[in-house]
Amino acid sequence: MAAARNMKLGLQALLYQQSRSCGVSASKASKAAAPYSVSTSTVGGAVQQQSEEPVVEAEPVETKFAERSKLLVLGGNGFVGTHVCQEALTRHVPVVSISRSGRPAAAAHDHHPWMNDVNWIQGDILHPERWKHALQEVSAVISCVGAFGSNQKMLKINGEANIAAINAASESGVTRFVYISAVDYGLPSFVLGGYFKGKKAAEEALLRKFPYGGIILRPGFIYGSRQVGSVKIPLSVIGTPLEFLLNNAKSVSRLPLVGNFLLPPVKVTSVARAAVRSAIDNAVPPGILDVWGIKRLGDR
C-alpha cells in the first residue's frame, strides 16, 4: 500500500513539474486529480511529500477595444454620400454619417425610408475633436467631402477638411479609408486651381497615413438623379449617352493632354458600390482606382 501511495504522489509531482515547464497553469481536469502542487524528496528510494501549495488558475483576459464593425461616411447628405450610405445598408453594414447639416429633413425620410437606419451626426469635419468619439466602433471611413467655390474655400474643404479627417481616423485605429477624389484634367491653375490642389493634398495625406488601407477613387463626371433643394436634376440625360459613346474609347482616353477629357462618365451607383466594396473588402488593394477601375468594381 505504501509503495502504491508513493508511486501516486510521484506521478502527481511529475505531472505538475511538466505543466510548470510548459508555462501552463493546471486545468480543471488536472486540478481534480492534483489540486495542490507537490514538492518531493527521495529517502531510501521512496518519494516523500514535503509541502503543498494551492494551484492558482490564470484569469481570463478581457479585450481592450470593442469589435469595430461600423462604416463612417463623411458628407453622407450629399449627392454621392447618400448613395454610399444606401449601398452600405443594402450590404447590412451599420452606417454612421457626419455632415454639417446632420440628420436630413423629415420630408426626405418619408421619401427615403432607409435614411432612418443611418446614425446621422451633425459636425464640422474641420474640427474632429467634436466628432472623433464616433470613430470608436468604426472599421472604415469613406469621405465624400468636396466643394466648389472660391479657391480659398475649395482648398479648405477639399484639402484641409479631408486631411483633418484622415489624421483623426488614423489616430483612432481605423484600418481602411476611402477617399472619393476626382480626375485631374490638367486645367490651367486659374481654372478650379483650389479644387484640384486641395484634392491632391488630401490624396497625399491619405497615402502617407494609410499605406496599407488607403483607397483613392478618381471618377470623372458622375451622373444620376441629383436632388438640389426641391428640384431634381436628371444628370442621366447627359451622362448615359456619353458613357455609352466613350465606353469603347479606352485607348483614346490614354492620349496625352486630351485623354482625360475622353473618359466616360460614371453612374453614381457605380461609384457608391466601388467605394463601399473598397471599404469593407480587404481583397481590394490599397492605391488608386481610375474610372476604369471604378467601373470594374462598381458595375458588378
Protein backbone atom coordinates (compact mmCIF):
# COMPACT_ATOMS: atom_id res chain seq x y z
CA MET A 1 0.00 0.00 0.00
CA ALA A 2 2.83 2.38 0.95
CA ALA A 3 4.59 1.70 -2.36
CA ALA A 4 1.38 2.41 -4.32
CA ARG A 5 0.81 5.65 -2.41
CA ASN A 6 4.38 6.78 -3.03
CA MET A 7 4.06 5.96 -6.73
CA LYS A 8 0.84 8.03 -6.96
CA LEU A 9 2.48 11.01 -5.27
CA GLY A 10 5.48 10.71 -7.59
CA LEU A 11 3.23 10.68 -10.67
CA GLN A 12 1.34 13.77 -9.45
CA ALA A 13 4.61 15.56 -8.82
CA LEU A 14 5.88 14.67 -12.30
CA LEU A 15 2.69 15.97 -13.99
CA TYR A 16 2.88 19.24 -12.06
CA GLN A 17 6.56 19.75 -12.90
CA GLN A 18 5.77 19.22 -16.61
CA SER A 19 2.87 21.68 -16.54
CA ARG A 20 5.12 24.32 -14.94
CA SER A 21 7.88 23.76 -17.51
CA CYS A 22 5.33 24.48 -20.31
CA GLY A 23 4.18 27.69 -18.59
CA VAL A 24 0.59 26.43 -18.22
CA SER A 25 -1.43 26.52 -15.01
CA ALA A 26 -3.44 23.47 -14.04
CA SER A 27 -6.73 22.99 -15.85
CA LYS A 28 -9.92 22.00 -14.13
CA ALA A 29 -9.39 18.37 -15.13
CA SER A 30 -5.86 18.16 -13.76
CA LYS A 31 -6.94 20.18 -10.76
CA ALA A 32 -9.39 17.44 -9.80
CA ALA A 33 -6.58 14.86 -9.91
CA ALA A 34 -3.91 17.09 -8.30
CA PRO A 35 -5.42 20.17 -6.60
CA TYR A 36 -2.13 21.09 -4.93
CA SER A 37 1.43 21.50 -6.08
CA VAL A 38 3.72 18.90 -4.55
CA SER A 39 7.43 19.19 -3.79
CA THR A 40 9.17 15.92 -3.11
CA SER A 41 12.39 14.38 -1.86
CA THR A 42 13.70 10.86 -2.06
CA VAL A 43 14.66 8.99 1.11
CA GLY A 44 15.83 5.41 0.74
CA GLY A 45 14.36 5.22 -2.77
CA ALA A 46 10.88 6.29 -1.60
CA VAL A 47 9.22 9.54 -2.67
CA GLN A 48 8.01 11.64 0.29
CA GLN A 49 5.73 14.69 0.27
CA GLN A 50 7.25 17.79 1.88
CA SER A 51 4.84 20.68 1.28
CA GLU A 52 1.65 21.53 -0.53
CA GLU A 53 0.60 24.83 -2.15
CA PRO A 54 -2.76 25.59 -3.79
CA VAL A 55 -2.67 25.91 -7.59
CA VAL A 56 -3.72 29.36 -8.85
CA GLU A 57 -5.53 29.32 -12.20
CA ALA A 58 -4.90 32.04 -14.79
CA GLU A 59 -7.66 34.64 -15.02
CA PRO A 60 -9.31 35.38 -18.40
CA VAL A 61 -8.01 38.44 -20.23
CA GLU A 62 -10.60 40.95 -21.49
CA THR A 63 -10.09 42.65 -24.85
CA LYS A 64 -9.41 46.37 -24.63
CA PHE A 65 -11.49 47.54 -27.60
CA ALA A 66 -14.97 46.63 -28.73
CA GLU A 67 -15.27 44.97 -32.12
CA ARG A 68 -15.26 47.54 -34.93
CA SER A 69 -17.99 46.93 -37.46
CA LYS A 70 -19.40 50.32 -38.48
CA LEU A 71 -18.81 52.39 -41.59
CA LEU A 72 -18.42 56.15 -41.24
CA VAL A 73 -19.49 58.22 -44.25
CA LEU A 74 -18.29 61.81 -44.28
CA GLY A 75 -20.64 64.04 -46.24
CA GLY A 76 -23.41 61.43 -46.23
CA ASN A 77 -26.05 64.04 -47.07
CA GLY A 78 -24.62 64.86 -50.48
CA PHE A 79 -25.25 63.51 -53.96
CA VAL A 80 -22.62 60.75 -53.75
CA GLY A 81 -22.82 60.37 -49.97
CA THR A 82 -26.49 59.38 -49.88
CA HIS A 83 -25.87 56.64 -52.44
CA VAL A 84 -22.87 55.40 -50.44
CA CYS A 85 -24.97 55.18 -47.27
CA GLN A 86 -27.74 53.35 -49.08
CA GLU A 87 -25.31 50.90 -50.71
CA ALA A 88 -23.71 50.07 -47.37
CA LEU A 89 -27.11 49.42 -45.78
CA THR A 90 -28.05 47.01 -48.57
CA ARG A 91 -24.94 45.05 -47.55
CA HIS A 92 -26.13 45.08 -43.92
CA VAL A 93 -23.26 47.32 -42.80
CA PRO A 94 -24.14 49.71 -39.90
CA VAL A 95 -23.67 53.29 -41.10
CA VAL A 96 -22.75 56.50 -39.28
CA SER A 97 -22.74 59.76 -41.23
CA ILE A 98 -21.19 63.09 -40.27
CA SER A 99 -22.06 66.28 -42.12
CA ARG A 100 -22.65 69.93 -41.36
CA SER A 101 -26.41 69.55 -41.55
CA GLY A 102 -26.63 66.23 -39.72
CA ARG A 103 -29.94 64.40 -39.94
CA PRO A 104 -31.86 65.13 -43.17
CA ALA A 105 -35.24 66.80 -43.08
CA ALA A 106 -38.28 64.70 -42.17
CA ALA A 107 -39.60 65.02 -45.72
CA ALA A 108 -36.51 63.25 -47.01
CA HIS A 109 -37.14 60.39 -44.56
CA ASP A 110 -40.67 59.98 -45.87
CA HIS A 111 -39.34 59.71 -49.42
CA HIS A 112 -36.31 57.55 -48.48
CA PRO A 113 -37.17 55.26 -45.53
CA TRP A 114 -33.63 53.81 -45.49
CA MET A 115 -32.42 57.12 -44.04
CA ASN A 116 -33.94 56.11 -40.71
CA ASP A 117 -31.32 53.34 -40.47
CA VAL A 118 -28.37 55.75 -40.57
CA ASN A 119 -26.93 57.30 -37.42
CA TRP A 120 -26.78 60.95 -38.51
CA ILE A 121 -24.34 63.19 -36.62
CA GLN A 122 -24.02 66.94 -37.11
CA GLY A 123 -20.42 68.04 -37.09
CA ASP A 124 -17.75 70.12 -38.76
CA ILE A 125 -15.17 67.89 -40.45
CA LEU A 126 -12.55 70.59 -39.86
CA HIS A 127 -12.90 70.08 -36.09
CA PRO A 128 -12.52 66.33 -35.47
CA GLU A 129 -12.25 66.83 -31.71
CA ARG A 130 -16.02 67.42 -31.77
CA TRP A 131 -16.91 64.16 -33.54
CA LYS A 132 -13.87 61.91 -33.01
CA HIS A 133 -15.86 59.83 -30.50
CA ALA A 134 -17.87 58.46 -33.44
CA LEU A 135 -14.76 56.61 -34.66
CA GLN A 136 -14.61 54.24 -31.68
CA GLU A 137 -16.57 51.42 -33.36
CA VAL A 138 -15.67 52.30 -36.95
CA SER A 139 -13.58 49.95 -39.08
CA ALA A 140 -13.56 52.06 -42.27
CA VAL A 141 -14.26 55.61 -43.41
CA ILE A 142 -15.50 56.85 -46.79
CA SER A 143 -15.07 60.57 -47.44
CA CYS A 144 -17.42 62.16 -49.94
CA VAL A 145 -16.48 65.66 -48.79
CA GLY A 146 -15.87 68.17 -51.55
CA ALA A 147 -16.96 71.62 -52.66
CA PHE A 148 -16.76 74.24 -55.39
CA GLY A 149 -16.43 77.97 -54.83
CA SER A 150 -13.54 80.35 -54.31
CA ASN A 151 -10.02 78.94 -54.36
CA GLN A 152 -9.76 79.50 -50.62
CA LYS A 153 -12.99 77.62 -49.96
CA MET A 154 -12.04 74.72 -52.25
CA LEU A 155 -8.61 74.37 -50.61
CA LYS A 156 -10.21 74.39 -47.18
CA ILE A 157 -12.95 71.81 -47.88
CA ASN A 158 -11.27 69.55 -50.43
CA GLY A 159 -7.89 69.70 -48.74
CA GLU A 160 -7.83 70.75 -45.07
CA ALA A 161 -11.13 69.13 -44.04
CA ASN A 162 -10.24 65.78 -45.59
CA ILE A 163 -6.72 65.85 -44.15
CA ALA A 164 -8.15 66.52 -40.67
CA ALA A 165 -10.46 63.53 -41.08
CA ILE A 166 -7.64 61.30 -42.34
CA ASN A 167 -5.46 62.19 -39.34
CA ALA A 168 -8.31 61.62 -36.87
CA ALA A 169 -9.14 58.22 -38.38
CA SER A 170 -5.51 57.14 -38.29
CA GLU A 171 -5.12 58.16 -34.65
CA SER A 172 -8.33 56.30 -33.73
CA GLY A 173 -7.20 52.95 -35.14
CA VAL A 174 -9.37 52.88 -38.30
CA THR A 175 -7.90 50.35 -40.73
CA ARG A 176 -9.30 51.48 -44.10
CA PHE A 177 -10.04 54.92 -45.54
CA VAL A 178 -11.65 55.51 -48.93
CA TYR A 179 -11.43 58.97 -50.45
CA ILE A 180 -13.61 59.96 -53.40
CA SER A 181 -11.36 62.34 -55.30
CA ALA A 182 -11.57 63.36 -58.97
CA VAL A 183 -9.76 63.09 -62.28
CA ASP A 184 -7.26 65.89 -62.75
CA TYR A 185 -7.91 67.25 -66.23
CA GLY A 186 -4.68 69.27 -66.28
CA LEU A 187 -6.53 72.57 -66.50
CA PRO A 188 -4.67 75.87 -66.06
CA SER A 189 -4.18 76.80 -62.40
CA PHE A 190 -6.62 79.71 -62.65
CA VAL A 191 -9.41 77.25 -63.57
CA LEU A 192 -10.57 75.44 -60.42
CA GLY A 193 -7.00 75.55 -59.11
CA GLY A 194 -8.04 75.31 -55.46
CA TYR A 195 -10.31 72.37 -56.19
CA PHE A 196 -7.62 70.12 -57.67
CA LYS A 197 -4.86 71.38 -55.37
CA GLY A 198 -6.98 70.53 -52.34
CA LYS A 199 -7.82 67.08 -53.73
CA LYS A 200 -4.15 66.35 -54.41
CA ALA A 201 -3.12 67.38 -50.87
CA ALA A 202 -5.77 65.06 -49.39
CA GLU A 203 -4.61 62.17 -51.62
CA GLU A 204 -1.01 62.60 -50.48
CA ALA A 205 -2.04 62.69 -46.83
CA LEU A 206 -4.10 59.52 -47.26
CA LEU A 207 -1.27 57.57 -48.86
CA ARG A 208 1.05 58.62 -46.02
CA LYS A 209 -1.31 57.78 -43.18
CA PHE A 210 -2.91 54.67 -44.72
CA PRO A 211 -0.22 52.99 -46.84
CA TYR A 212 -1.91 49.60 -46.41
CA GLY A 213 -5.56 50.63 -46.25
CA GLY A 214 -5.97 53.84 -48.24
CA ILE A 215 -8.00 53.74 -51.46
CA ILE A 216 -8.49 56.74 -53.74
CA LEU A 217 -11.31 56.82 -56.30
CA ARG A 218 -10.81 59.19 -59.23
CA PRO A 219 -14.06 59.40 -61.19
CA GLY A 220 -14.71 61.97 -63.86
CA PHE A 221 -18.24 63.20 -64.43
CA ILE A 222 -20.63 61.43 -62.03
CA TYR A 223 -24.22 61.26 -63.15
CA GLY A 224 -27.58 60.22 -61.73
CA SER A 225 -30.66 61.94 -60.35
CA ARG A 226 -29.35 64.78 -58.20
CA GLN A 227 -31.61 66.49 -55.71
CA VAL A 228 -30.93 70.21 -55.19
CA GLY A 229 -33.47 71.53 -52.70
CA SER A 230 -36.86 70.64 -54.08
CA VAL A 231 -35.55 70.34 -57.64
CA LYS A 232 -34.39 67.02 -59.11
CA ILE A 233 -31.71 67.40 -61.81
CA PRO A 234 -31.68 64.44 -64.25
CA LEU A 235 -27.94 64.23 -64.98
CA SER A 236 -28.58 60.85 -66.60
CA VAL A 237 -29.92 62.65 -69.66
CA ILE A 238 -26.34 63.74 -70.40
CA GLY A 239 -24.38 61.01 -68.65
CA THR A 240 -26.00 57.89 -70.10
CA PRO A 241 -25.39 58.60 -73.82
CA LEU A 242 -21.89 59.95 -73.09
CA GLU A 243 -20.97 56.84 -71.17
CA PHE A 244 -22.28 54.64 -73.96
CA LEU A 245 -20.30 56.63 -76.54
CA LEU A 246 -16.99 56.74 -74.60
CA ASN A 247 -17.00 53.28 -73.04
CA ASN A 248 -15.20 51.86 -76.06
CA ALA A 249 -12.69 54.70 -76.28
CA LYS A 250 -10.30 53.46 -73.62
CA SER A 251 -7.27 53.64 -75.89
CA VAL A 252 -8.13 57.21 -76.91
CA SER A 253 -8.50 58.24 -73.27
CA ARG A 254 -4.82 57.42 -72.70
CA LEU A 255 -3.65 60.07 -75.14
CA PRO A 256 -1.59 62.86 -73.53
CA LEU A 257 -3.18 66.25 -72.86
CA VAL A 258 -6.65 65.39 -74.17
CA GLY A 259 -7.09 61.81 -72.92
CA ASN A 260 -8.79 62.58 -69.61
CA PHE A 261 -11.43 64.65 -71.37
CA LEU A 262 -12.50 61.49 -73.20
CA LEU A 263 -13.01 59.38 -70.09
CA PRO A 264 -16.58 58.06 -69.82
CA PRO A 265 -18.92 59.38 -67.14
CA VAL A 266 -19.68 57.06 -64.24
CA LYS A 267 -23.06 56.30 -62.65
CA VAL A 268 -23.31 57.47 -59.05
CA THR A 269 -24.46 53.98 -58.06
CA SER A 270 -21.25 52.53 -59.54
CA VAL A 271 -19.14 54.98 -57.55
CA ALA A 272 -21.05 54.09 -54.38
CA ARG A 273 -20.63 50.34 -54.93
CA ALA A 274 -16.92 50.70 -55.65
CA ALA A 275 -16.43 52.87 -52.56
CA VAL A 276 -18.26 50.52 -50.20
CA ARG A 277 -16.51 47.44 -51.58
CA SER A 278 -13.16 49.18 -51.16
CA ALA A 279 -14.04 49.97 -47.56
CA ILE A 280 -15.26 46.56 -46.42
CA ASP A 281 -13.41 44.11 -48.67
CA ASN A 282 -9.74 43.58 -47.78
CA ALA A 283 -9.28 41.89 -51.16
CA VAL A 284 -9.40 45.36 -52.74
CA PRO A 285 -5.76 46.52 -52.63
CA PRO A 286 -4.74 49.97 -51.45
CA GLY A 287 -3.93 52.58 -54.08
CA ILE A 288 -5.77 54.48 -56.79
CA LEU A 289 -8.85 53.42 -58.75
CA ASP A 290 -9.26 55.31 -62.01
CA VAL A 291 -12.51 55.49 -63.97
CA TRP A 292 -11.99 52.03 -65.45
CA GLY A 293 -11.19 50.54 -62.04
CA ILE A 294 -14.31 52.12 -60.56
CA LYS A 295 -16.43 50.67 -63.35
CA ARG A 296 -14.93 47.20 -62.92
CA LEU A 297 -15.58 47.23 -59.18
CA GLY A 298 -18.86 49.10 -59.23
CA ASP A 299 -20.66 47.60 -62.21
CA ARG A 300 -20.55 44.01 -60.95
